[in-house]
Amino acid sequence: MEPVQTWNQVYDPFGNPWLSTLAASVPVIALLAMIASGRVKAHVAAVLALILAFAIAVVAFGMPVGLATRASLLGMVTGFFPIGWIILNVIFLYRLTVEKGWFATLQQSVAGITSDRRLQLLLVAFAFGAFFEGAGGFGTPVAVTGAILIGLGFSPLAASGLSLIANTAPVAFGALGAPIQGLASVTGYDPYVLGAMIGRQLPVFSLIVPFWLIWVFAGFRGMIQVWPAILICGGAFAAAQFGISNYVNPWIVDIGASIAAMGALVLFLKVWKPAAIWTSPALRGNDPSIGYGEPRPVALGAGVPSDLPRAPVSTGRTASSSEIALAWLPWVILSVVVAIWGTGWFKAIVNPIFTWKYEVPGLHNVIMKVPPVVAKAHPEGAVFLFTYMSYTGTGVLIAALISGAIMRFSPLRLVTAYVETIWVLRYSLVTIAAMLALGVLTRYAGVDATLGLAFAGTGILYPFFGTLLGWLGVALTGSDTASNVLFGGLQKITSEQLGLSGVLMASANSSGGVMGKMIDAQSIVVASTATGYFGQEGKILRFVFWHSIALACLVGGLVMLQAYVHPFTAMVIHVP
């Protein structure tokens, strides 16, 4: 049997770093521009960007057509499993609770804790969302919190954009520490060390983000009116995030911190109330999503087929404690199941039995990643692990079926409801598949490494721009885990060459990356799907874009201080 001929990645195909970087950035710029314009549907923009990336990978970077095709197909499959699989089943569960009327009761129970929209936003988008980020990640928190907020009466743009802003600080510890595990796998650093270092960066932003969130929603004056509650919620989360990451382990950080934040906020609201209750669910100033679809709140927001269930508008009847308990039961079941699905022991039991390993022929170990991106040339694996039983989305589906049985849906209705959900999400699933195809293609083509090397050439400013590299990685791939795998090794190598702590910059890749989560196309599509803001992805992107850049720059500023300025340098963990 003849050996498979390998292909070496080329990071400067034009012999000019500026020109090569410009070529590498074209697909991303085009994608963001098309989405932001509002004139191109998200799924069309994603497909066009993929075609453009394919052409650049083949023509500019010299990637063989066969390799580019296989990489794109692999990305499409990984777009549906696990990300699309999670979204499909979360929305399926949500629609069941709406149809049964339990979601309206859940809305009433949240309003029963506080009728102030700012505090509801803190409780749902930040604290409750962080729990789902920690337990499942991969789009789950935005899907759930966006759906809950739209059901509470928030405008589609507010529900979408604010869910995205809130789902930032918890992301580095999401999915039971998956981003940190990915970072450890490419850097060789102990995940406990990486978790501790990230836990000395992100707690600052776990305190800032809740204030930022309410400021965006209600303005500075509206934020100041509830600052004690924001401080309690964010402070509890930040303290738990630091303590657990530095003294326990990096796997349960978000779960523990979110429970601390929710508990502290609920207890505080029993003894404190704002002087003025904020009742409007709309964004301050001009909110283009007001009136988008009638009546509101709706099951999937506006723009959905009329035969889909709509969240009933409150009738004014107060739900009993047993009805409230039942309304929360599907979400409690979901939380428990997803938490179990994310544990190592569960995966160790089911994966050996329920796993299909497929090494992509003609792609696996054919592409060589070479210096200076890595210290020594090594082949890029291309293996699709179909771990269908341990996928978070499978756990969500099981939770939905259990909840459906408790809600007394017939088997036939469960099947028809599932088919309806697939039909509603068809464009979103196409978008996600195309987005992952774009990310996987750029990885195998070396296009992402070209962008990374451009950041690495910034010298003394590298701590700042290296942090933004993590931001770019998440914006490209939609995943802090993927960004860490893509750029973690580069961060280590470059920082060591510059005399910086490799642990600091590897951690900065993840901490900076979380701020890119709100602008990646996958997250925006998840948000628009959960809130029914179909075809308005450009408005969501424009709403969150500058917040993403500003927060990423603030993380970069902190990392610069940790790299060069005492006493911040004392926070840095050094390893031999």
Protein backbone atom coordinates (compact mmCIF):
# COMPACT_ATOMS: atom_id res chain seq x y z
CA MET A 1 0.00 0.00 0.00
CA GLU A 2 1.44 3.37 -1.03
CA PRO A 3 1.90 5.97 1.72
CA VAL A 4 -0.49 8.91 1.61
CA GLN A 5 1.21 12.05 0.33
CA THR A 6 1.14 14.82 2.93
CA TRP A 7 0.57 18.54 2.43
CA ASN A 8 2.36 21.18 4.49
CA GLN A 9 0.40 24.22 5.56
CA VAL A 10 1.66 27.54 4.18
CA TYR A 11 1.27 30.58 6.41
CA ASP A 12 2.66 33.29 4.11
CA PRO A 13 1.62 32.25 0.60
CA PHE A 14 2.32 35.68 -0.93
CA GLY A 15 5.73 36.16 0.68
CA ASN A 16 4.29 39.26 2.31
CA PRO A 17 2.81 38.88 5.82
CA TRP A 18 0.50 41.87 5.38
CA LEU A 19 -0.95 40.60 2.09
CA SER A 20 -1.25 37.04 3.38
CA THR A 21 -3.03 38.23 6.54
CA LEU A 22 -5.40 40.33 4.46
CA ALA A 23 -6.27 37.32 2.29
CA ALA A 24 -6.81 35.14 5.38
CA SER A 25 -9.17 37.69 6.90
CA VAL A 26 -11.41 38.12 3.85
CA PRO A 27 -13.93 35.30 4.63
CA VAL A 28 -14.44 36.51 8.22
CA ILE A 29 -14.80 40.16 7.21
CA ALA A 30 -17.20 39.23 4.43
CA LEU A 31 -19.29 37.06 6.74
CA LEU A 32 -19.61 39.74 9.43
CA ALA A 33 -20.33 42.41 6.84
CA MET A 34 -23.09 40.37 5.20
CA ILE A 35 -24.73 39.57 8.53
CA ALA A 36 -24.39 43.13 9.84
CA SER A 37 -25.89 44.58 6.67
CA GLY A 38 -29.21 42.93 7.41
CA ARG A 39 -29.69 42.40 3.68
CA VAL A 40 -28.40 38.84 3.55
CA LYS A 41 -30.02 36.04 5.52
CA ALA A 42 -27.71 34.37 8.01
CA HIS A 43 -27.82 30.96 6.32
CA VAL A 44 -27.10 32.52 2.92
CA ALA A 45 -24.23 34.59 4.37
CA ALA A 46 -22.75 31.51 6.02
CA VAL A 47 -22.85 29.50 2.80
CA LEU A 48 -21.38 32.36 0.75
CA ALA A 49 -18.59 32.87 3.31
CA LEU A 50 -17.84 29.15 3.19
CA ILE A 51 -17.57 29.27 -0.62
CA LEU A 52 -15.26 32.28 -0.36
CA ALA A 53 -13.09 30.57 2.27
CA PHE A 54 -12.91 27.47 0.09
CA ALA A 55 -11.66 29.54 -2.87
CA ILE A 56 -9.05 31.36 -0.77
CA ALA A 57 -7.82 28.11 0.83
CA VAL A 58 -7.37 26.49 -2.59
CA VAL A 59 -6.22 29.41 -4.73
CA ALA A 60 -4.27 31.55 -2.24
CA PHE A 61 -3.00 29.01 0.27
CA GLY A 62 -2.50 26.14 -2.16
CA MET A 63 -4.68 23.62 -0.34
CA PRO A 64 -5.59 20.70 -2.62
CA VAL A 65 -9.25 20.72 -3.63
CA GLY A 66 -9.83 17.21 -2.24
CA LEU A 67 -8.49 18.19 1.18
CA ALA A 68 -10.55 21.37 1.24
CA THR A 69 -13.69 19.43 0.31
CA ARG A 70 -13.16 16.80 3.00
CA ALA A 71 -12.40 19.43 5.64
CA SER A 72 -15.58 21.33 4.77
CA LEU A 73 -17.72 18.19 4.94
CA LEU A 74 -16.19 17.26 8.28
CA GLY A 75 -17.04 20.73 9.55
CA MET A 76 -20.64 20.45 8.38
CA VAL A 77 -21.12 17.21 10.29
CA THR A 78 -19.49 18.58 13.44
CA GLY A 79 -21.75 21.62 13.10
CA PHE A 80 -24.79 19.47 13.66
CA PHE A 81 -23.14 17.20 16.21
CA PRO A 82 -22.99 18.44 18.88
CA ILE A 83 -24.07 22.09 18.49
CA GLY A 84 -27.13 21.80 16.27
CA TRP A 85 -28.18 18.69 18.20
CA ILE A 86 -28.27 20.70 21.43
CA ILE A 87 -30.25 23.59 19.97
CA LEU A 88 -32.80 21.31 18.32
CA ASN A 89 -33.59 19.47 21.52
CA VAL A 90 -33.56 22.51 23.81
CA ILE A 91 -36.10 24.27 21.59
CA PHE A 92 -38.13 21.05 21.43
CA LEU A 93 -38.35 20.96 25.23
CA TYR A 94 -39.16 24.65 25.37
CA ARG A 95 -42.01 24.31 22.88
CA LEU A 96 -43.50 21.44 24.85
CA THR A 97 -43.61 23.55 28.02
CA VAL A 98 -45.19 26.41 26.08
CA GLU A 99 -47.87 24.20 24.57
CA LYS A 100 -48.73 22.77 27.98
CA GLY A 101 -48.90 26.22 29.58
CA TRP A 102 -46.14 25.45 32.06
CA PHE A 103 -43.83 28.05 30.59
CA ALA A 104 -46.32 30.82 31.38
CA THR A 105 -46.36 29.61 34.98
CA LEU A 106 -42.55 29.65 35.07
CA GLN A 107 -42.63 33.23 33.81
CA GLN A 108 -45.02 34.10 36.60
CA SER A 109 -42.77 32.50 39.19
CA VAL A 110 -39.75 34.50 38.01
CA ALA A 111 -41.86 37.64 38.11
CA GLY A 112 -42.91 36.58 41.62
CA ILE A 113 -39.29 36.83 42.80
CA THR A 114 -39.12 40.35 41.41
CA SER A 115 -41.21 42.34 38.98
CA ASP A 116 -38.25 44.59 38.18
CA ARG A 117 -37.03 43.79 34.66
CA ARG A 118 -33.41 44.62 35.53
CA LEU A 119 -33.35 42.09 38.33
CA GLN A 120 -35.14 39.49 36.21
CA LEU A 121 -32.38 39.98 33.67
CA LEU A 122 -29.71 39.43 36.32
CA LEU A 123 -31.39 36.29 37.59
CA VAL A 124 -32.16 34.70 34.22
CA ALA A 125 -29.55 35.87 31.70
CA PHE A 126 -26.51 36.04 33.99
CA ALA A 127 -26.97 33.65 36.92
CA PHE A 128 -29.30 31.00 35.45
CA GLY A 129 -27.52 31.18 32.09
CA ALA A 130 -24.16 30.55 33.78
CA PHE A 131 -25.52 27.31 35.23
CA PHE A 132 -26.40 26.01 31.77
CA GLU A 133 -23.04 27.19 30.45
CA GLY A 134 -21.29 25.22 33.15
CA ALA A 135 -23.41 22.12 32.70
CA GLY A 136 -23.72 22.00 28.92
CA GLY A 137 -22.25 24.93 27.02
CA PHE A 138 -22.30 24.84 23.20
CA GLY A 139 -25.22 27.23 22.80
CA THR A 140 -27.42 25.81 25.56
CA PRO A 141 -27.41 28.90 27.85
CA VAL A 142 -28.30 31.39 25.13
CA ALA A 143 -31.05 29.14 23.80
CA VAL A 144 -32.61 28.69 27.24
CA THR A 145 -32.25 32.23 28.59
CA GLY A 146 -33.29 33.82 25.30
CA ALA A 147 -36.45 31.72 25.28
CA ILE A 148 -37.23 32.54 28.92
CA LEU A 149 -36.68 36.26 28.43
CA ILE A 150 -38.87 36.43 25.34
CA GLY A 151 -41.52 34.58 27.32
CA LEU A 152 -41.23 37.13 30.11
CA GLY A 153 -42.07 39.84 27.60
CA PHE A 154 -38.63 41.19 26.76
CA SER A 155 -38.33 42.49 23.23
CA PRO A 156 -36.65 40.11 20.76
CA LEU A 157 -33.55 42.29 20.42
CA ALA A 158 -33.22 42.68 24.19
CA ALA A 159 -33.69 38.96 24.81
CA SER A 160 -31.16 38.06 22.11
CA GLY A 161 -28.49 40.67 22.65
CA LEU A 162 -28.54 40.68 26.43
CA SER A 163 -28.39 36.88 26.61
CA LEU A 164 -25.27 37.03 24.44
CA ILE A 165 -23.62 39.72 26.58
CA ALA A 166 -24.41 37.83 29.78
CA ASN A 167 -22.95 34.59 28.43
CA THR A 168 -19.32 35.73 28.50
CA ALA A 169 -17.53 35.55 31.84
CA PRO A 170 -18.66 31.95 32.53
CA VAL A 171 -17.61 30.57 29.11
CA ALA A 172 -13.98 29.66 29.91
CA PHE A 173 -15.22 27.14 32.51
CA GLY A 174 -18.21 26.03 30.41
CA ALA A 175 -19.30 22.48 29.63
CA LEU A 176 -17.66 21.26 32.84
CA GLY A 177 -14.30 22.78 31.97
CA ALA A 178 -14.06 21.62 28.34
CA PRO A 179 -12.20 24.77 27.16
CA ILE A 180 -9.57 24.28 29.86
CA GLN A 181 -9.17 20.62 29.02
CA GLY A 182 -8.66 21.55 25.37
CA LEU A 183 -6.10 24.18 26.34
CA ALA A 184 -4.22 21.69 28.51
CA SER A 185 -4.12 19.15 25.68
CA VAL A 186 -2.22 21.48 23.32
CA THR A 187 0.01 23.29 25.83
CA GLY A 188 0.98 20.43 28.14
CA TYR A 189 0.14 22.53 31.20
CA ASP A 190 -1.78 21.04 34.11
CA PRO A 191 -5.49 21.93 33.71
CA TYR A 192 -5.61 22.79 37.41
CA VAL A 193 -2.87 25.39 36.85
CA LEU A 194 -4.62 26.83 33.80
CA GLY A 195 -7.93 26.91 35.65
CA ALA A 196 -6.35 28.74 38.56
CA MET A 197 -4.76 31.34 36.27
CA ILE A 198 -8.01 31.93 34.38
CA GLY A 199 -9.62 32.18 37.81
CA ARG A 200 -7.33 35.14 38.47
CA GLN A 201 -8.49 36.95 35.35
CA LEU A 202 -12.19 36.35 34.76
CA PRO A 203 -13.58 37.11 38.27
CA VAL A 204 -12.85 40.79 37.54
CA PHE A 205 -15.18 40.54 34.56
CA SER A 206 -17.70 38.40 36.39
CA LEU A 207 -18.13 41.51 38.54
CA ILE A 208 -18.08 43.95 35.60
CA VAL A 209 -20.40 42.09 33.19
CA PRO A 210 -23.57 42.25 35.38
CA PHE A 211 -23.13 46.04 35.71
CA TRP A 212 -22.44 46.27 31.97
CA LEU A 213 -25.50 44.14 31.22
CA ILE A 214 -27.91 46.32 33.17
CA TRP A 215 -26.30 49.52 31.89
CA VAL A 216 -26.91 48.39 28.30
CA PHE A 217 -30.52 47.51 29.11
CA ALA A 218 -31.60 50.36 31.37
CA GLY A 219 -28.95 53.07 31.02
CA PHE A 220 -26.52 54.36 33.64
CA ARG A 221 -29.20 55.81 35.91
CA GLY A 222 -31.27 52.64 35.72
CA MET A 223 -28.18 50.60 36.59
CA ILE A 224 -27.23 52.79 39.57
CA GLN A 225 -30.72 52.34 41.03
CA VAL A 226 -30.11 48.60 41.49
CA TRP A 227 -26.33 48.59 42.08
CA PRO A 228 -26.59 46.76 45.44
CA ALA A 229 -28.33 43.78 43.82
CA ILE A 230 -25.87 43.76 40.92
CA LEU A 231 -22.94 43.84 43.35
CA ILE A 232 -24.38 40.98 45.40
CA CYS A 233 -25.05 38.82 42.32
CA GLY A 234 -21.80 39.56 40.50
CA GLY A 235 -19.74 39.55 43.68
CA ALA A 236 -21.04 36.16 44.75
CA PHE A 237 -20.34 34.73 41.30
CA ALA A 238 -16.84 36.25 41.12
CA ALA A 239 -15.86 35.11 44.62
CA ALA A 240 -17.06 31.56 43.98
CA GLN A 241 -15.39 31.54 40.55
CA PHE A 242 -12.05 32.51 42.07
CA GLY A 243 -12.33 30.20 45.07
CA ILE A 244 -13.42 27.07 43.20
CA SER A 245 -10.96 27.53 40.33
CA ASN A 246 -8.00 28.09 42.64
CA TYR A 247 -8.77 25.76 45.52
CA VAL A 248 -11.11 23.02 44.23
CA ASN A 249 -10.98 22.19 40.50
CA PRO A 250 -11.73 23.81 37.12
CA TRP A 251 -14.60 21.46 36.24
CA ILE A 252 -17.43 22.67 38.50
CA VAL A 253 -16.62 26.38 38.60
CA ASP A 254 -19.65 27.66 36.69
CA ILE A 255 -22.12 25.37 38.41
CA GLY A 256 -20.92 26.36 41.87
CA ALA A 257 -20.63 30.06 41.02
CA SER A 258 -24.06 30.24 39.37
CA ILE A 259 -25.75 28.59 42.35
CA ALA A 260 -23.95 31.04 44.65
CA ALA A 261 -25.09 33.99 42.50
CA MET A 262 -28.72 32.85 42.26
CA GLY A 263 -28.92 32.04 45.97
CA ALA A 264 -27.32 35.32 47.02
CA LEU A 265 -29.58 37.39 44.74
CA VAL A 266 -32.81 35.66 45.79
CA LEU A 267 -31.96 35.99 49.49
CA PHE A 268 -30.95 39.63 49.07
CA LEU A 269 -34.23 40.46 47.32
CA LYS A 270 -36.11 39.21 50.35
CA VAL A 271 -34.72 42.11 52.38
CA TRP A 272 -34.12 44.77 49.72
CA LYS A 273 -36.21 46.31 46.96
CA PRO A 274 -35.31 49.04 44.46
CA ALA A 275 -36.87 52.42 45.10
CA ALA A 276 -38.43 52.40 41.62
CA ILE A 277 -39.61 49.26 39.84
CA TRP A 278 -38.54 49.05 36.19
CA THR A 279 -41.45 47.46 34.34
CA SER A 280 -40.58 48.02 30.68
CA PRO A 281 -39.05 44.96 28.96
CA ALA A 282 -37.78 47.05 26.03
CA LEU A 283 -34.26 48.33 25.59
CA ARG A 284 -33.74 51.96 26.51
CA GLY A 285 -33.90 54.30 23.56
CA ASN A 286 -34.72 53.01 20.09
CA ASP A 287 -35.58 49.31 20.05
CA PRO A 288 -36.24 48.15 16.47
CA SER A 289 -37.65 44.84 17.68
CA ILE A 290 -40.63 46.39 19.46
CA GLY A 291 -43.78 45.18 17.80
CA TYR A 292 -41.88 42.50 15.91
CA GLY A 293 -44.60 39.88 15.79
CA GLU A 294 -47.92 39.91 17.62
CA PRO A 295 -49.00 38.95 20.14
CA ARG A 296 -45.96 38.72 22.41
CA PRO A 297 -44.57 36.85 24.23
CA VAL A 298 -44.55 33.98 21.76
CA ALA A 299 -43.15 30.49 21.73
CA LEU A 300 -40.33 31.21 19.33
CA GLY A 301 -40.80 34.95 19.03
CA ALA A 302 -42.18 36.48 15.87
CA GLY A 303 -41.90 35.34 12.32
CA VAL A 304 -42.85 31.74 13.10
CA PRO A 305 -45.63 29.75 11.46
CA SER A 306 -49.00 30.48 12.99
CA ASP A 307 -49.61 26.84 13.86
CA LEU A 308 -46.79 26.83 16.42
CA PRO A 309 -47.71 27.11 20.10
CA ARG A 310 -47.53 30.55 21.63
CA ALA A 311 -46.74 31.33 25.24
CA PRO A 312 -50.05 32.39 26.74
CA VAL A 313 -50.30 35.93 27.96
CA SER A 314 -50.86 35.98 31.71
CA THR A 315 -54.49 35.79 32.72
CA GLY A 316 -53.82 37.41 36.07
CA ARG A 317 -54.49 34.20 38.02
CA THR A 318 -51.81 33.46 40.59
CA ALA A 319 -50.32 30.00 40.19
CA SER A 320 -50.23 27.73 43.21
CA SER A 321 -46.95 26.53 44.70
CA SER A 322 -47.53 23.05 43.25
CA GLU A 323 -48.13 24.51 39.78
CA ILE A 324 -44.95 26.54 40.06
CA ALA A 325 -43.01 23.45 41.12
CA LEU A 326 -44.34 21.56 38.11
CA ALA A 327 -43.46 24.45 35.80
CA TRP A 328 -39.84 24.34 36.95
CA LEU A 329 -39.67 20.54 36.89
CA PRO A 330 -38.69 20.17 33.18
CA TRP A 331 -35.83 22.61 33.68
CA VAL A 332 -34.72 20.90 36.87
CA ILE A 333 -34.77 17.58 35.02
CA LEU A 334 -32.79 19.18 32.19
CA SER A 335 -30.22 20.60 34.63
CA VAL A 336 -29.74 17.29 36.40
CA VAL A 337 -29.49 15.26 33.20
CA VAL A 338 -27.09 17.70 31.52
CA ALA A 339 -24.92 17.81 34.65
CA ILE A 340 -24.71 13.99 34.65
CA TRP A 341 -24.01 13.94 30.90
CA GLY A 342 -21.07 16.27 31.37
CA THR A 343 -19.26 14.23 34.00
CA GLY A 344 -16.17 12.22 33.20
CA TRP A 345 -17.45 9.05 34.85
CA PHE A 346 -20.62 9.04 32.71
CA LYS A 347 -18.63 9.51 29.52
CA ALA A 348 -16.23 6.78 30.62
CA ILE A 349 -19.18 4.36 30.96
CA VAL A 350 -21.08 5.10 27.73
CA ASN A 351 -18.41 6.17 25.25
CA PRO A 352 -16.69 2.77 24.96
CA ILE A 353 -20.06 1.27 24.08
CA PHE A 354 -21.81 4.00 22.13
CA THR A 355 -19.07 5.52 19.99
CA TRP A 356 -18.43 5.41 16.28
CA LYS A 357 -14.90 6.48 15.37
CA TYR A 358 -14.42 7.56 11.78
CA GLU A 359 -10.98 8.57 10.54
CA VAL A 360 -11.68 10.70 7.47
CA PRO A 361 -9.84 9.00 4.58
CA GLY A 362 -7.64 11.31 2.59
CA LEU A 363 -7.65 13.92 5.37
CA HIS A 364 -6.61 12.20 8.59
CA ASN A 365 -2.89 12.82 9.26
CA VAL A 366 -2.42 14.14 5.71
CA ILE A 367 -2.06 17.84 6.55
CA MET A 368 1.11 18.91 8.37
CA LYS A 369 1.15 21.82 10.79
CA VAL A 370 4.67 23.24 10.69
CA PRO A 371 6.85 25.82 12.49
CA PRO A 372 6.57 28.59 13.58
CA VAL A 373 3.03 27.73 14.59
CA VAL A 374 4.31 24.61 16.35
CA ALA A 375 7.76 23.76 17.68
CA LYS A 376 8.00 20.62 15.53
CA ALA A 377 6.03 19.59 12.45
CA HIS A 378 3.20 17.19 13.17
CA PRO A 379 0.19 15.84 11.26
CA GLU A 380 -3.32 17.12 11.85
CA GLY A 381 -5.74 14.37 12.78
CA ALA A 382 -9.19 14.28 11.20
CA VAL A 383 -11.31 11.97 13.29
CA PHE A 384 -15.06 12.26 13.75
CA LEU A 385 -16.01 10.70 17.06
CA PHE A 386 -19.74 10.09 16.96
CA THR A 387 -20.22 9.77 20.73
CA TYR A 388 -23.96 9.92 20.26
CA MET A 389 -24.97 8.76 23.72
CA SER A 390 -22.76 11.20 25.66
CA TYR A 391 -23.60 14.22 23.51
CA THR A 392 -25.15 16.98 25.64
CA GLY A 393 -27.94 17.20 23.06
CA THR A 394 -28.81 13.55 23.68
CA GLY A 395 -29.16 14.30 27.37
CA VAL A 396 -31.39 17.26 26.53
CA LEU A 397 -33.56 15.03 24.30
CA ILE A 398 -33.93 12.46 27.09
CA ALA A 399 -34.85 15.23 29.52
CA ALA A 400 -37.41 16.52 27.01
CA LEU A 401 -38.96 13.07 26.58
CA ILE A 402 -39.14 12.53 30.35
CA SER A 403 -40.72 15.95 30.75
CA GLY A 404 -43.10 15.27 27.88
CA ALA A 405 -44.26 12.08 29.60
CA ILE A 406 -44.79 13.98 32.87
CA MET A 407 -46.78 16.60 30.95
CA ARG A 408 -48.83 13.70 29.50
CA PHE A 409 -48.10 14.26 25.83
CA SER A 410 -48.97 11.28 23.70
CA PRO A 411 -46.13 9.56 21.81
CA LEU A 412 -47.70 10.68 18.52
CA ARG A 413 -47.79 14.32 19.63
CA LEU A 414 -44.15 14.15 20.76
CA VAL A 415 -43.15 12.90 17.32
CA THR A 416 -45.15 15.54 15.44
CA ALA A 417 -43.88 18.29 17.75
CA TYR A 418 -40.32 17.18 17.06
CA VAL A 419 -40.87 17.28 13.31
CA GLU A 420 -42.36 20.77 13.65
CA THR A 421 -39.28 21.87 15.59
CA ILE A 422 -36.95 20.56 12.89
CA TRP A 423 -38.89 22.47 10.27
CA VAL A 424 -38.76 25.72 12.23
CA LEU A 425 -35.01 25.37 12.81
CA ARG A 426 -34.10 24.29 9.28
CA TYR A 427 -32.33 27.52 8.32
CA SER A 428 -30.61 27.80 11.70
CA LEU A 429 -29.22 24.28 11.34
CA VAL A 430 -27.94 25.07 7.84
CA THR A 431 -26.23 28.18 9.21
CA ILE A 432 -24.57 26.32 12.05
CA ALA A 433 -23.34 23.58 9.72
CA ALA A 434 -21.88 26.14 7.30
CA MET A 435 -20.27 28.07 10.18
CA LEU A 436 -18.50 24.99 11.51
CA ALA A 437 -17.46 24.04 8.00
CA LEU A 438 -15.88 27.49 7.66
CA GLY A 439 -14.06 27.12 11.00
CA VAL A 440 -12.78 23.60 10.29
CA LEU A 441 -11.69 24.52 6.76
CA THR A 442 -9.71 27.55 7.93
CA ARG A 443 -8.05 25.40 10.58
CA TYR A 444 -6.91 22.69 8.18
CA ALA A 445 -5.91 25.24 5.53
CA GLY A 446 -3.71 27.11 8.01
CA VAL A 447 -5.66 30.31 7.44
CA ASP A 448 -6.32 30.72 11.17
CA ALA A 449 -2.61 30.28 11.90
CA THR A 450 -1.79 33.09 9.46
CA LEU A 451 -4.07 35.39 11.43
CA GLY A 452 -2.53 34.14 14.66
CA LEU A 453 1.01 34.86 13.49
CA ALA A 454 -0.02 38.42 12.67
CA PHE A 455 -1.04 38.90 16.30
CA ALA A 456 2.14 37.20 17.49
CA GLY A 457 4.32 39.77 15.76
CA THR A 458 3.30 42.62 18.06
CA GLY A 459 6.31 42.42 20.42
CA ILE A 460 5.93 44.14 23.80
CA LEU A 461 2.22 44.60 23.11
CA TYR A 462 1.75 40.87 22.66
CA PRO A 463 -0.09 40.35 26.00
CA PHE A 464 -2.79 42.69 24.69
CA PHE A 465 -2.94 41.40 21.13
CA GLY A 466 -2.46 37.79 22.20
CA THR A 467 -5.61 38.19 24.27
CA LEU A 468 -7.41 39.53 21.21
CA LEU A 469 -6.18 36.47 19.33
CA GLY A 470 -8.30 34.35 21.66
CA TRP A 471 -11.20 36.71 20.96
CA LEU A 472 -10.68 36.26 17.23
CA GLY A 473 -10.51 32.49 17.61
CA VAL A 474 -13.89 32.29 19.31
CA ALA A 475 -15.41 34.75 16.84
CA LEU A 476 -14.19 32.47 14.05
CA THR A 477 -15.08 29.09 15.51
CA GLY A 478 -17.90 29.87 17.95
CA SER A 479 -16.15 27.89 20.66
CA ASP A 480 -13.68 28.81 23.41
CA THR A 481 -12.58 25.17 23.36
CA ALA A 482 -11.83 25.32 19.63
CA SER A 483 -10.02 28.64 19.99
CA ASN A 484 -7.85 27.18 22.75
CA VAL A 485 -7.02 24.16 20.62
CA LEU A 486 -6.25 26.36 17.60
CA PHE A 487 -4.08 28.96 19.30
CA GLY A 488 -3.06 27.53 22.68
CA GLY A 489 0.20 26.07 21.37
CA LEU A 490 1.02 29.26 19.48
CA GLN A 491 0.41 31.33 22.63
CA LYS A 492 2.81 29.15 24.62
CA ILE A 493 5.56 29.21 22.00
CA THR A 494 5.33 32.95 21.33
CA SER A 495 5.16 33.98 24.98
CA GLU A 496 8.21 31.89 25.83
CA GLN A 497 10.13 33.47 22.94
CA LEU A 498 9.22 36.91 24.32
CA GLY A 499 10.15 36.01 27.90
CA LEU A 500 6.54 36.00 29.13
CA SER A 501 4.74 33.39 31.19
CA GLY A 502 3.32 30.69 28.94
CA VAL A 503 0.62 29.98 31.51
CA LEU A 504 -0.40 33.65 31.48
CA MET A 505 -0.81 33.87 27.72
CA ALA A 506 -2.41 30.44 27.29
CA SER A 507 -4.95 31.47 29.93
CA ALA A 508 -5.38 34.88 28.28
CA ASN A 509 -6.36 33.08 25.07
CA SER A 510 -9.32 31.56 26.90
CA SER A 511 -10.19 34.63 28.99
CA GLY A 512 -10.08 36.95 25.98
CA GLY A 513 -11.90 34.40 23.90
CA VAL A 514 -15.03 34.50 26.02
CA MET A 515 -15.75 38.05 24.83
CA GLY A 516 -15.84 36.83 21.23
CA LYS A 517 -18.66 34.44 22.08
CA MET A 518 -21.31 37.11 21.65
CA ILE A 519 -20.39 37.92 18.03
CA ASP A 520 -19.76 34.50 16.53
CA ALA A 521 -22.37 33.65 13.93
CA GLN A 522 -23.41 30.41 15.62
CA SER A 523 -24.30 32.16 18.88
CA ILE A 524 -26.17 34.89 17.04
CA VAL A 525 -28.19 32.28 15.14
CA VAL A 526 -28.93 30.43 18.38
CA ALA A 527 -30.14 33.69 19.94
CA SER A 528 -32.29 34.66 16.96
CA THR A 529 -33.79 31.17 16.87
CA ALA A 530 -34.60 31.06 20.57
CA THR A 531 -36.26 34.47 20.47
CA GLY A 532 -37.89 34.10 17.06
CA TYR A 533 -36.00 37.10 15.70
CA PHE A 534 -35.60 35.36 12.35
CA GLY A 535 -33.88 37.27 9.58
CA GLN A 536 -32.70 39.95 12.02
CA GLU A 537 -29.28 38.52 12.84
CA GLY A 538 -27.64 41.68 11.50
CA LYS A 539 -29.40 43.80 14.10
CA ILE A 540 -28.23 41.47 16.85
CA LEU A 541 -24.64 41.58 15.58
CA ARG A 542 -24.65 45.37 15.39
CA PHE A 543 -26.11 45.54 18.89
CA VAL A 544 -23.41 43.39 20.53
CA PHE A 545 -20.36 44.05 18.32
CA TRP A 546 -18.85 47.06 20.07
CA HIS A 547 -19.59 45.60 23.49
CA SER A 548 -17.61 42.53 22.45
CA ILE A 549 -14.61 44.59 21.32
CA ALA A 550 -14.68 46.85 24.38
CA LEU A 551 -14.78 43.96 26.85
CA ALA A 552 -12.06 42.06 24.96
CA CYS A 553 -9.83 45.15 25.12
CA LEU A 554 -10.44 45.40 28.86
CA VAL A 555 -9.33 41.78 29.27
CA GLY A 556 -6.25 42.60 27.18
CA GLY A 557 -5.53 45.54 29.44
CA LEU A 558 -5.68 43.33 32.53
CA VAL A 559 -3.33 40.80 30.93
CA MET A 560 -0.88 43.62 30.09
CA LEU A 561 -0.90 44.61 33.76
CA GLN A 562 -0.36 41.00 34.82
CA ALA A 563 2.56 40.73 32.41
CA TYR A 564 4.43 43.90 33.36
CA VAL A 565 3.04 45.86 36.32
CA HIS A 566 3.39 45.08 40.03
CA PRO A 567 1.34 44.01 42.03
CA PHE A 568 -0.59 42.43 39.15
CA THR A 569 2.49 40.38 38.20
CA ALA A 570 2.17 38.61 41.55
CA MET A 571 -1.08 37.06 40.27
CA VAL A 572 0.75 35.17 37.53
CA ILE A 573 1.44 31.46 37.95
CA HIS A 574 4.85 30.33 36.69
CA VAL A 575 5.77 26.75 35.93
CA PRO A 576 9.26 25.41 35.21
